[in-house]
Amino acid sequence: MSDPRDFEKEKARLVEIVNRFGEAGATSADGRTHSFFGRLKGEEWGVLMHKHLDHHLRQFGV
């Protein structure tokens, strides 16, 4: 990123997105296609998103 960001605002935005993803449940993601992994089950999307988010949070020591 090259432009300044408000950390608290971005954090709140991320929390809202994660909550929406979780509230929608696994079945809402069933059958959606990932650009690299192809068609995934809802549970697979959950694992993928968990690992991806965990990776980025660890980058910033969160």
C-alpha atoms as a PDB file:
ATOM      1  CA  MET A   1       0.000   0.000   0.000  1.00  0.00           C
ATOM      2  CA  SER A   2       1.277   3.412  -0.830  1.00  0.00           C
ATOM      3  CA  ASP A   3      -1.494   5.564   0.645  1.00  0.00           C
ATOM      4  CA  PRO A   4      -2.017   6.104   4.385  1.00  0.00           C
ATOM      5  CA  ARG A   5      -4.772   4.078   6.077  1.00  0.00           C
ATOM      6  CA  ASP A   6      -6.700   4.432   9.316  1.00  0.00           C
ATOM      7  CA  PHE A   7      -5.878   1.167  11.115  1.00  0.00           C
ATOM      8  CA  GLU A   8      -8.971   1.185  13.354  1.00  0.00           C
ATOM      9  CA  LYS A   9     -11.265   1.811  10.390  1.00  0.00           C
ATOM     10  CA  GLU A  10      -9.646  -0.988   8.368  1.00  0.00           C
ATOM     11  CA  LYS A  11      -9.768  -3.322  11.378  1.00  0.00           C
ATOM     12  CA  ALA A  12     -13.494  -2.654  11.863  1.00  0.00           C
ATOM     13  CA  ARG A  13     -14.081  -3.271   8.145  1.00  0.00           C
ATOM     14  CA  LEU A  14     -12.242  -6.608   8.330  1.00  0.00           C
ATOM     15  CA  VAL A  15     -14.176  -7.699  11.429  1.00  0.00           C
ATOM     16  CA  GLU A  16     -17.454  -6.908   9.648  1.00  0.00           C
ATOM     17  CA  ILE A  17     -16.442  -8.910   6.556  1.00  0.00           C
ATOM     18  CA  VAL A  18     -15.326 -11.900   8.647  1.00  0.00           C
ATOM     19  CA  ASN A  19     -18.580 -11.797  10.628  1.00  0.00           C
ATOM     20  CA  ARG A  20     -20.680 -11.681   7.453  1.00  0.00           C
ATOM     21  CA  PHE A  21     -18.744 -14.629   6.019  1.00  0.00           C
ATOM     22  CA  GLY A  22     -19.272 -16.626   9.212  1.00  0.00           C
ATOM     23  CA  GLU A  23     -22.949 -15.741   9.593  1.00  0.00           C
ATOM     24  CA  ALA A  24     -23.675 -16.753   6.001  1.00  0.00           C
ATOM     25  CA  GLY A  25     -22.506 -20.274   6.801  1.00  0.00           C
ATOM     26  CA  ALA A  26     -20.682 -22.880   4.783  1.00  0.00           C
ATOM     27  CA  THR A  27     -23.561 -23.608   2.427  1.00  0.00           C
ATOM     28  CA  SER A  28     -23.500 -20.042   1.080  1.00  0.00           C
ATOM     29  CA  ALA A  29     -20.044 -20.716  -0.381  1.00  0.00           C
ATOM     30  CA  ASP A  30     -20.764 -24.242  -1.667  1.00  0.00           C
ATOM     31  CA  GLY A  31     -19.785 -24.687  -5.279  1.00  0.00           C
ATOM     32  CA  ARG A  32     -18.198 -21.285  -5.772  1.00  0.00           C
ATOM     33  CA  THR A  33     -15.117 -21.296  -7.951  1.00  0.00           C
ATOM     34  CA  HIS A  34     -11.718 -20.096  -6.756  1.00  0.00           C
ATOM     35  CA  SER A  35      -9.447 -18.780  -9.521  1.00  0.00           C
ATOM     36  CA  PHE A  36      -6.604 -21.150  -8.584  1.00  0.00           C
ATOM     37  CA  PHE A  37      -8.186 -24.058  -6.682  1.00  0.00           C
ATOM     38  CA  GLY A  38     -11.342 -24.388  -8.762  1.00  0.00           C
ATOM     39  CA  ARG A  39     -14.745 -25.363  -7.349  1.00  0.00           C
ATOM     40  CA  LEU A  40     -14.718 -25.636  -3.551  1.00  0.00           C
ATOM     41  CA  LYS A  41     -17.132 -26.841  -0.901  1.00  0.00           C
ATOM     42  CA  GLY A  42     -18.228 -24.363   1.749  1.00  0.00           C
ATOM     43  CA  GLU A  43     -16.032 -25.996   4.396  1.00  0.00           C
ATOM     44  CA  GLU A  44     -13.045 -25.763   2.062  1.00  0.00           C
ATOM     45  CA  TRP A  45     -13.686 -22.035   1.576  1.00  0.00           C
ATOM     46  CA  GLY A  46     -13.741 -21.636   5.350  1.00  0.00           C
ATOM     47  CA  VAL A  47     -10.386 -23.382   5.761  1.00  0.00           C
ATOM     48  CA  LEU A  48      -8.888 -21.391   2.890  1.00  0.00           C
ATOM     49  CA  MET A  49     -10.095 -18.048   4.270  1.00  0.00           C
ATOM     50  CA  HIS A  50      -8.885 -18.959   7.775  1.00  0.00           C
ATOM     51  CA  LYS A  51      -5.401 -19.812   6.522  1.00  0.00           C
ATOM     52  CA  HIS A  52      -5.231 -16.745   4.290  1.00  0.00           C
ATOM     53  CA  LEU A  53      -6.338 -14.339   7.014  1.00  0.00           C
ATOM     54  CA  ASP A  54      -4.070 -16.003   9.591  1.00  0.00           C
ATOM     55  CA  HIS A  55      -1.118 -15.615   7.231  1.00  0.00           C
ATOM     56  CA  HIS A  56      -1.704 -11.888   6.796  1.00  0.00           C
ATOM     57  CA  LEU A  57      -2.395 -11.225  10.480  1.00  0.00           C
ATOM     58  CA  ARG A  58       0.870 -12.976  11.373  1.00  0.00           C
ATOM     59  CA  GLN A  59       2.668 -10.718   8.872  1.00  0.00           C
ATOM     60  CA  PHE A  60       1.674  -7.752  11.018  1.00  0.00           C
ATOM     61  CA  GLY A  61       2.199  -9.475  14.352  1.00  0.00           C
ATOM     62  CA  VAL A  62      -1.488  -9.570  15.224  1.00  0.00           C
END
